[in-house]
Amino acid sequence: MSFTVELIICALVLLGGLFALLGSIGVLKMSDFYTRLHAPTLAATVGMGSLLIASIIAFTVREQRLSAHELLITLFVMITAPVTAHMLAKVALHQRQQSIANTRNKALTEKIRKRLPPE
């Protein structure tokens, strides 16, 4: 494997690890459910995406053919993480999960809970 390919793989692995660390710190430091939900969702999509892209590059160069397993896993993670976060946020909204005091558009939140159209 050439130095350039190894450098790209290392950069992607470090980027993925950094996003995973930031997502973990975000879960601990954020104040309410909605902001805590944002941090691991971002870490899952960007962090795992870059780790899996690094894996795709490594196995493609090593085996001299495209690695389809990692490509399918990447697509699955990129599709399911935002959908899961959206579903969790909707459930929290309908369960009347409290948000922080300085959240904007609280009137819109109440309209969503009552299923009224926005103005």
N, C-alpha and C. Protein backbone atom coordinates (compact mmCIF):
# COMPACT_ATOMS: atom_id res chain seq x y z
N MET A 1 0.85 -1.17 0.00
CA MET A 1 0.00 0.00 0.00
C MET A 1 0.90 1.24 0.00
N SER A 2 0.52 2.23 -0.79
CA SER A 2 1.35 3.43 -0.89
C SER A 2 1.15 4.33 0.32
N PHE A 3 2.11 5.23 0.48
CA PHE A 3 2.08 6.16 1.61
C PHE A 3 0.86 7.08 1.53
N THR A 4 0.49 7.51 0.34
CA THR A 4 -0.65 8.42 0.16
C THR A 4 -1.95 7.75 0.58
N VAL A 5 -2.13 6.49 0.19
CA VAL A 5 -3.34 5.76 0.57
C VAL A 5 -3.39 5.56 2.08
N GLU A 6 -2.26 5.21 2.67
CA GLU A 6 -2.22 5.04 4.12
C GLU A 6 -2.50 6.34 4.84
N LEU A 7 -2.02 7.45 4.29
CA LEU A 7 -2.27 8.76 4.90
C LEU A 7 -3.76 9.11 4.83
N ILE A 8 -4.40 8.83 3.71
CA ILE A 8 -5.84 9.09 3.58
C ILE A 8 -6.63 8.23 4.55
N ILE A 9 -6.25 6.97 4.66
CA ILE A 9 -6.95 6.06 5.59
C ILE A 9 -6.78 6.53 7.03
N CYS A 10 -5.56 6.93 7.39
CA CYS A 10 -5.31 7.41 8.75
C CYS A 10 -6.11 8.68 9.05
N ALA A 11 -6.18 9.59 8.07
CA ALA A 11 -6.94 10.82 8.26
C ALA A 11 -8.42 10.52 8.46
N LEU A 12 -8.97 9.60 7.67
CA LEU A 12 -10.38 9.24 7.82
C LEU A 12 -10.66 8.54 9.15
N VAL A 13 -9.74 7.68 9.58
CA VAL A 13 -9.92 7.00 10.88
C VAL A 13 -9.85 8.02 12.02
N LEU A 14 -8.91 8.95 11.95
CA LEU A 14 -8.82 9.98 12.99
C LEU A 14 -10.06 10.88 12.98
N LEU A 15 -10.55 11.24 11.81
CA LEU A 15 -11.76 12.05 11.73
C LEU A 15 -12.96 11.30 12.31
N GLY A 16 -13.08 10.02 11.98
CA GLY A 16 -14.17 9.21 12.54
C GLY A 16 -14.07 9.08 14.05
N GLY A 17 -12.88 8.87 14.55
CA GLY A 17 -12.68 8.78 16.00
C GLY A 17 -12.98 10.10 16.69
N LEU A 18 -12.60 11.21 16.06
CA LEU A 18 -12.87 12.53 16.63
C LEU A 18 -14.37 12.78 16.71
N PHE A 19 -15.10 12.47 15.64
CA PHE A 19 -16.55 12.67 15.68
C PHE A 19 -17.22 11.74 16.68
N ALA A 20 -16.74 10.53 16.82
CA ALA A 20 -17.31 9.62 17.82
C ALA A 20 -17.06 10.15 19.23
N LEU A 21 -15.87 10.69 19.47
CA LEU A 21 -15.56 11.28 20.78
C LEU A 21 -16.42 12.50 21.04
N LEU A 22 -16.56 13.37 20.04
CA LEU A 22 -17.39 14.57 20.22
C LEU A 22 -18.86 14.21 20.44
N GLY A 23 -19.33 13.17 19.76
CA GLY A 23 -20.70 12.72 19.99
C GLY A 23 -20.90 12.19 21.39
N SER A 24 -19.92 11.47 21.91
CA SER A 24 -20.01 10.95 23.28
C SER A 24 -19.97 12.07 24.30
N ILE A 25 -19.11 13.04 24.09
CA ILE A 25 -19.05 14.20 24.99
C ILE A 25 -20.36 14.99 24.92
N GLY A 26 -20.92 15.11 23.71
CA GLY A 26 -22.18 15.82 23.54
C GLY A 26 -23.32 15.19 24.30
N VAL A 27 -23.35 13.87 24.35
CA VAL A 27 -24.41 13.19 25.11
C VAL A 27 -24.29 13.52 26.59
N LEU A 28 -23.08 13.63 27.08
CA LEU A 28 -22.87 13.93 28.50
C LEU A 28 -23.13 15.39 28.83
N LYS A 29 -22.76 16.31 27.95
CA LYS A 29 -22.78 17.73 28.28
C LYS A 29 -24.06 18.46 27.90
N MET A 30 -24.82 17.96 26.95
CA MET A 30 -26.02 18.68 26.52
C MET A 30 -27.08 18.64 27.61
N SER A 31 -27.97 19.64 27.57
CA SER A 31 -28.86 19.84 28.71
C SER A 31 -30.21 19.14 28.63
N ASP A 32 -30.77 18.95 27.44
CA ASP A 32 -32.07 18.30 27.36
C ASP A 32 -32.06 17.21 26.29
N PHE A 33 -33.17 16.49 26.18
CA PHE A 33 -33.23 15.33 25.29
C PHE A 33 -32.98 15.70 23.84
N TYR A 34 -33.57 16.80 23.40
CA TYR A 34 -33.48 17.16 21.99
C TYR A 34 -32.06 17.51 21.57
N THR A 35 -31.33 18.23 22.42
CA THR A 35 -29.95 18.54 22.08
C THR A 35 -29.05 17.33 22.27
N ARG A 36 -29.36 16.47 23.24
CA ARG A 36 -28.60 15.23 23.39
C ARG A 36 -28.79 14.30 22.21
N LEU A 37 -29.94 14.36 21.58
CA LEU A 37 -30.22 13.52 20.43
C LEU A 37 -29.39 13.93 19.22
N HIS A 38 -29.09 15.21 19.10
CA HIS A 38 -28.35 15.72 17.94
C HIS A 38 -26.91 15.21 17.91
N ALA A 39 -26.25 15.18 19.06
CA ALA A 39 -24.83 14.82 19.11
C ALA A 39 -24.55 13.39 18.63
N PRO A 40 -25.21 12.35 19.14
CA PRO A 40 -24.89 11.01 18.64
C PRO A 40 -25.37 10.77 17.22
N THR A 41 -26.40 11.49 16.78
CA THR A 41 -26.84 11.34 15.40
C THR A 41 -25.77 11.85 14.45
N LEU A 42 -25.21 13.00 14.77
CA LEU A 42 -24.12 13.54 13.95
C LEU A 42 -22.90 12.62 14.01
N ALA A 43 -22.60 12.10 15.20
CA ALA A 43 -21.45 11.21 15.33
C ALA A 43 -21.66 9.92 14.55
N ALA A 44 -22.88 9.42 14.55
CA ALA A 44 -23.14 8.18 13.82
C ALA A 44 -23.01 8.37 12.32
N THR A 45 -23.55 9.46 11.80
CA THR A 45 -23.52 9.63 10.36
C THR A 45 -22.15 10.03 9.86
N VAL A 46 -21.54 11.02 10.46
CA VAL A 46 -20.24 11.49 9.96
C VAL A 46 -19.10 10.61 10.46
N GLY A 47 -19.10 10.28 11.75
CA GLY A 47 -18.01 9.48 12.30
C GLY A 47 -17.95 8.07 11.74
N MET A 48 -19.08 7.38 11.80
CA MET A 48 -19.09 6.02 11.25
C MET A 48 -18.93 6.04 9.74
N GLY A 49 -19.44 7.08 9.10
CA GLY A 49 -19.27 7.19 7.66
C GLY A 49 -17.82 7.28 7.26
N SER A 50 -17.05 8.12 7.97
CA SER A 50 -15.63 8.24 7.62
C SER A 50 -14.84 6.99 7.99
N LEU A 51 -15.20 6.33 9.09
CA LEU A 51 -14.53 5.07 9.43
C LEU A 51 -14.80 3.99 8.38
N LEU A 52 -16.03 3.93 7.92
CA LEU A 52 -16.37 2.93 6.92
C LEU A 52 -15.78 3.26 5.55
N ILE A 53 -15.67 4.53 5.21
CA ILE A 53 -15.01 4.91 3.96
C ILE A 53 -13.53 4.55 4.02
N ALA A 54 -12.90 4.74 5.18
CA ALA A 54 -11.51 4.32 5.35
C ALA A 54 -11.38 2.81 5.17
N SER A 55 -12.34 2.07 5.70
CA SER A 55 -12.33 0.62 5.54
C SER A 55 -12.54 0.22 4.08
N ILE A 56 -13.42 0.92 3.38
CA ILE A 56 -13.63 0.64 1.95
C ILE A 56 -12.34 0.85 1.17
N ILE A 57 -11.66 1.96 1.44
CA ILE A 57 -10.41 2.25 0.72
C ILE A 57 -9.36 1.19 1.04
N ALA A 58 -9.22 0.83 2.31
CA ALA A 58 -8.20 -0.14 2.70
C ALA A 58 -8.43 -1.50 2.05
N PHE A 59 -9.66 -2.00 2.10
CA PHE A 59 -9.92 -3.32 1.53
C PHE A 59 -9.93 -3.30 0.00
N THR A 60 -10.33 -2.19 -0.59
CA THR A 60 -10.29 -2.09 -2.05
C THR A 60 -8.86 -2.10 -2.56
N VAL A 61 -7.97 -1.38 -1.90
CA VAL A 61 -6.56 -1.36 -2.31
C VAL A 61 -5.90 -2.71 -2.04
N ARG A 62 -6.20 -3.31 -0.90
CA ARG A 62 -5.56 -4.58 -0.55
C ARG A 62 -6.02 -5.74 -1.43
N GLU A 63 -7.32 -5.81 -1.72
CA GLU A 63 -7.86 -6.94 -2.46
C GLU A 63 -8.00 -6.67 -3.96
N GLN A 64 -7.75 -5.44 -4.40
CA GLN A 64 -7.83 -5.05 -5.81
C GLN A 64 -9.23 -5.20 -6.40
N ARG A 65 -10.26 -5.07 -5.56
CA ARG A 65 -11.64 -5.06 -6.01
C ARG A 65 -12.46 -4.28 -5.00
N LEU A 66 -13.62 -3.78 -5.45
CA LEU A 66 -14.46 -2.96 -4.59
C LEU A 66 -15.05 -3.80 -3.46
N SER A 67 -14.97 -3.29 -2.26
CA SER A 67 -15.51 -3.98 -1.09
C SER A 67 -16.97 -3.57 -0.91
N ALA A 68 -17.88 -4.45 -1.26
CA ALA A 68 -19.30 -4.12 -1.24
C ALA A 68 -19.89 -4.18 0.17
N HIS A 69 -19.32 -4.98 1.06
CA HIS A 69 -19.88 -5.09 2.41
C HIS A 69 -19.84 -3.75 3.14
N GLU A 70 -18.69 -3.11 3.12
CA GLU A 70 -18.57 -1.83 3.80
C GLU A 70 -19.41 -0.75 3.13
N LEU A 71 -19.55 -0.83 1.81
CA LEU A 71 -20.38 0.13 1.10
C LEU A 71 -21.85 -0.01 1.52
N LEU A 72 -22.33 -1.22 1.66
CA LEU A 72 -23.70 -1.44 2.10
C LEU A 72 -23.91 -1.00 3.55
N ILE A 73 -22.93 -1.26 4.40
CA ILE A 73 -23.02 -0.82 5.79
C ILE A 73 -23.06 0.70 5.87
N THR A 74 -22.23 1.37 5.07
CA THR A 74 -22.20 2.83 5.05
C THR A 74 -23.55 3.38 4.62
N LEU A 75 -24.12 2.84 3.56
CA LEU A 75 -25.43 3.30 3.11
C LEU A 75 -26.51 3.06 4.17
N PHE A 76 -26.45 1.91 4.83
CA PHE A 76 -27.42 1.60 5.87
C PHE A 76 -27.33 2.59 7.02
N VAL A 77 -26.11 2.90 7.48
CA VAL A 77 -25.93 3.84 8.59
C VAL A 77 -26.38 5.24 8.17
N MET A 78 -26.02 5.66 6.97
CA MET A 78 -26.38 7.00 6.51
C MET A 78 -27.90 7.17 6.37
N ILE A 79 -28.60 6.10 6.08
CA ILE A 79 -30.05 6.19 5.92
C ILE A 79 -30.76 6.05 7.26
N THR A 80 -30.34 5.12 8.09
CA THR A 80 -31.10 4.81 9.30
C THR A 80 -30.86 5.77 10.46
N ALA A 81 -29.68 6.33 10.60
CA ALA A 81 -29.40 7.21 11.76
C ALA A 81 -30.29 8.46 11.76
N PRO A 82 -30.41 9.21 10.67
CA PRO A 82 -31.31 10.37 10.72
C PRO A 82 -32.79 10.00 10.88
N VAL A 83 -33.21 8.90 10.28
CA VAL A 83 -34.60 8.47 10.41
C VAL A 83 -34.89 8.08 11.86
N THR A 84 -33.98 7.37 12.49
CA THR A 84 -34.15 6.99 13.89
C THR A 84 -34.20 8.21 14.79
N ALA A 85 -33.33 9.19 14.55
CA ALA A 85 -33.33 10.42 15.34
C ALA A 85 -34.64 11.17 15.18
N HIS A 86 -35.16 11.21 13.96
CA HIS A 86 -36.43 11.88 13.72
C HIS A 86 -37.56 11.19 14.48
N MET A 87 -37.59 9.87 14.45
CA MET A 87 -38.64 9.12 15.14
C MET A 87 -38.53 9.32 16.65
N LEU A 88 -37.32 9.32 17.20
CA LEU A 88 -37.14 9.55 18.64
C LEU A 88 -37.58 10.95 19.03
N ALA A 89 -37.29 11.94 18.19
CA ALA A 89 -37.70 13.31 18.48
C ALA A 89 -39.22 13.45 18.44
N LYS A 90 -39.87 12.78 17.48
CA LYS A 90 -41.33 12.83 17.41
C LYS A 90 -41.97 12.18 18.64
N VAL A 91 -41.42 11.07 19.08
CA VAL A 91 -41.96 10.41 20.27
C VAL A 91 -41.77 11.30 21.49
N ALA A 92 -40.59 11.91 21.63
CA ALA A 92 -40.35 12.80 22.76
C ALA A 92 -41.28 14.00 22.72
N LEU A 93 -41.55 14.50 21.54
CA LEU A 93 -42.46 15.63 21.39
C LEU A 93 -43.87 15.26 21.83
N HIS A 94 -44.35 14.11 21.42
CA HIS A 94 -45.70 13.69 21.78
C HIS A 94 -45.80 13.21 23.24
N GLN A 95 -44.68 12.83 23.83
CA GLN A 95 -44.67 12.46 25.24
C GLN A 95 -44.46 13.67 26.14
N ARG A 96 -44.44 14.86 25.53
CA ARG A 96 -44.26 16.13 26.23
C ARG A 96 -42.95 16.21 26.99
N GLN A 97 -41.89 15.74 26.38
CA GLN A 97 -40.55 15.86 26.94
C GLN A 97 -40.17 17.34 26.98
N GLN A 98 -39.71 17.81 28.11
CA GLN A 98 -39.39 19.24 28.28
C GLN A 98 -38.13 19.61 27.53
N SER A 99 -38.13 20.82 26.98
CA SER A 99 -36.93 21.36 26.33
C SER A 99 -36.36 22.46 27.22
N ILE A 100 -35.16 22.92 26.88
CA ILE A 100 -34.52 23.94 27.70
C ILE A 100 -35.28 25.26 27.58
N ALA A 101 -35.05 26.15 28.52
CA ALA A 101 -35.84 27.37 28.63
C ALA A 101 -35.65 28.31 27.44
N ASN A 102 -34.45 28.37 26.86
CA ASN A 102 -34.21 29.34 25.79
C ASN A 102 -34.43 28.74 24.40
N THR A 103 -35.24 27.70 24.29
CA THR A 103 -35.57 27.12 22.99
C THR A 103 -36.49 28.08 22.24
N ARG A 104 -36.16 28.31 20.97
CA ARG A 104 -36.99 29.19 20.15
C ARG A 104 -38.19 28.42 19.62
N ASN A 105 -39.23 29.15 19.27
CA ASN A 105 -40.45 28.61 18.64
C ASN A 105 -41.18 27.60 19.53
N LYS A 106 -41.31 27.91 20.80
CA LYS A 106 -42.07 27.00 21.67
C LYS A 106 -43.54 26.95 21.29
N ALA A 107 -44.05 28.02 20.69
CA ALA A 107 -45.44 28.01 20.23
C ALA A 107 -45.63 26.99 19.12
N LEU A 108 -44.62 26.85 18.26
CA LEU A 108 -44.68 25.86 17.20
C LEU A 108 -44.68 24.44 17.78
N THR A 109 -43.93 24.25 18.85
CA THR A 109 -43.91 22.94 19.52
C THR A 109 -45.29 22.59 20.05
N GLU A 110 -45.97 23.56 20.65
CA GLU A 110 -47.33 23.30 21.16
C GLU A 110 -48.31 23.01 20.03
N LYS A 111 -48.16 23.68 18.90
CA LYS A 111 -49.03 23.42 17.76
C LYS A 111 -48.79 22.01 17.21
N ILE A 112 -47.55 21.59 17.21
CA ILE A 112 -47.25 20.24 16.74
C ILE A 112 -47.87 19.21 17.69
N ARG A 113 -47.77 19.48 18.98
CA ARG A 113 -48.35 18.54 19.95
C ARG A 113 -49.87 18.46 19.79
N LYS A 114 -50.50 19.58 19.46
CA LYS A 114 -51.96 19.59 19.28
C LYS A 114 -52.35 19.25 17.84
N ARG A 115 -51.36 19.03 16.98
CA ARG A 115 -51.58 18.69 15.56
C ARG A 115 -52.31 19.79 14.82
N LEU A 116 -51.95 21.03 15.13
CA LEU A 116 -52.50 22.17 14.41
C LEU A 116 -51.54 22.59 13.31
N PRO A 117 -52.03 23.14 12.19
CA PRO A 117 -51.11 23.59 11.14
C PRO A 117 -50.38 24.86 11.59
N PRO A 118 -49.12 25.04 11.15
CA PRO A 118 -48.39 26.27 11.51
C PRO A 118 -49.00 27.48 10.82
N GLU A 119 -48.78 28.65 11.40
CA GLU A 119 -49.33 29.88 10.81
C GLU A 119 -48.43 30.43 9.75
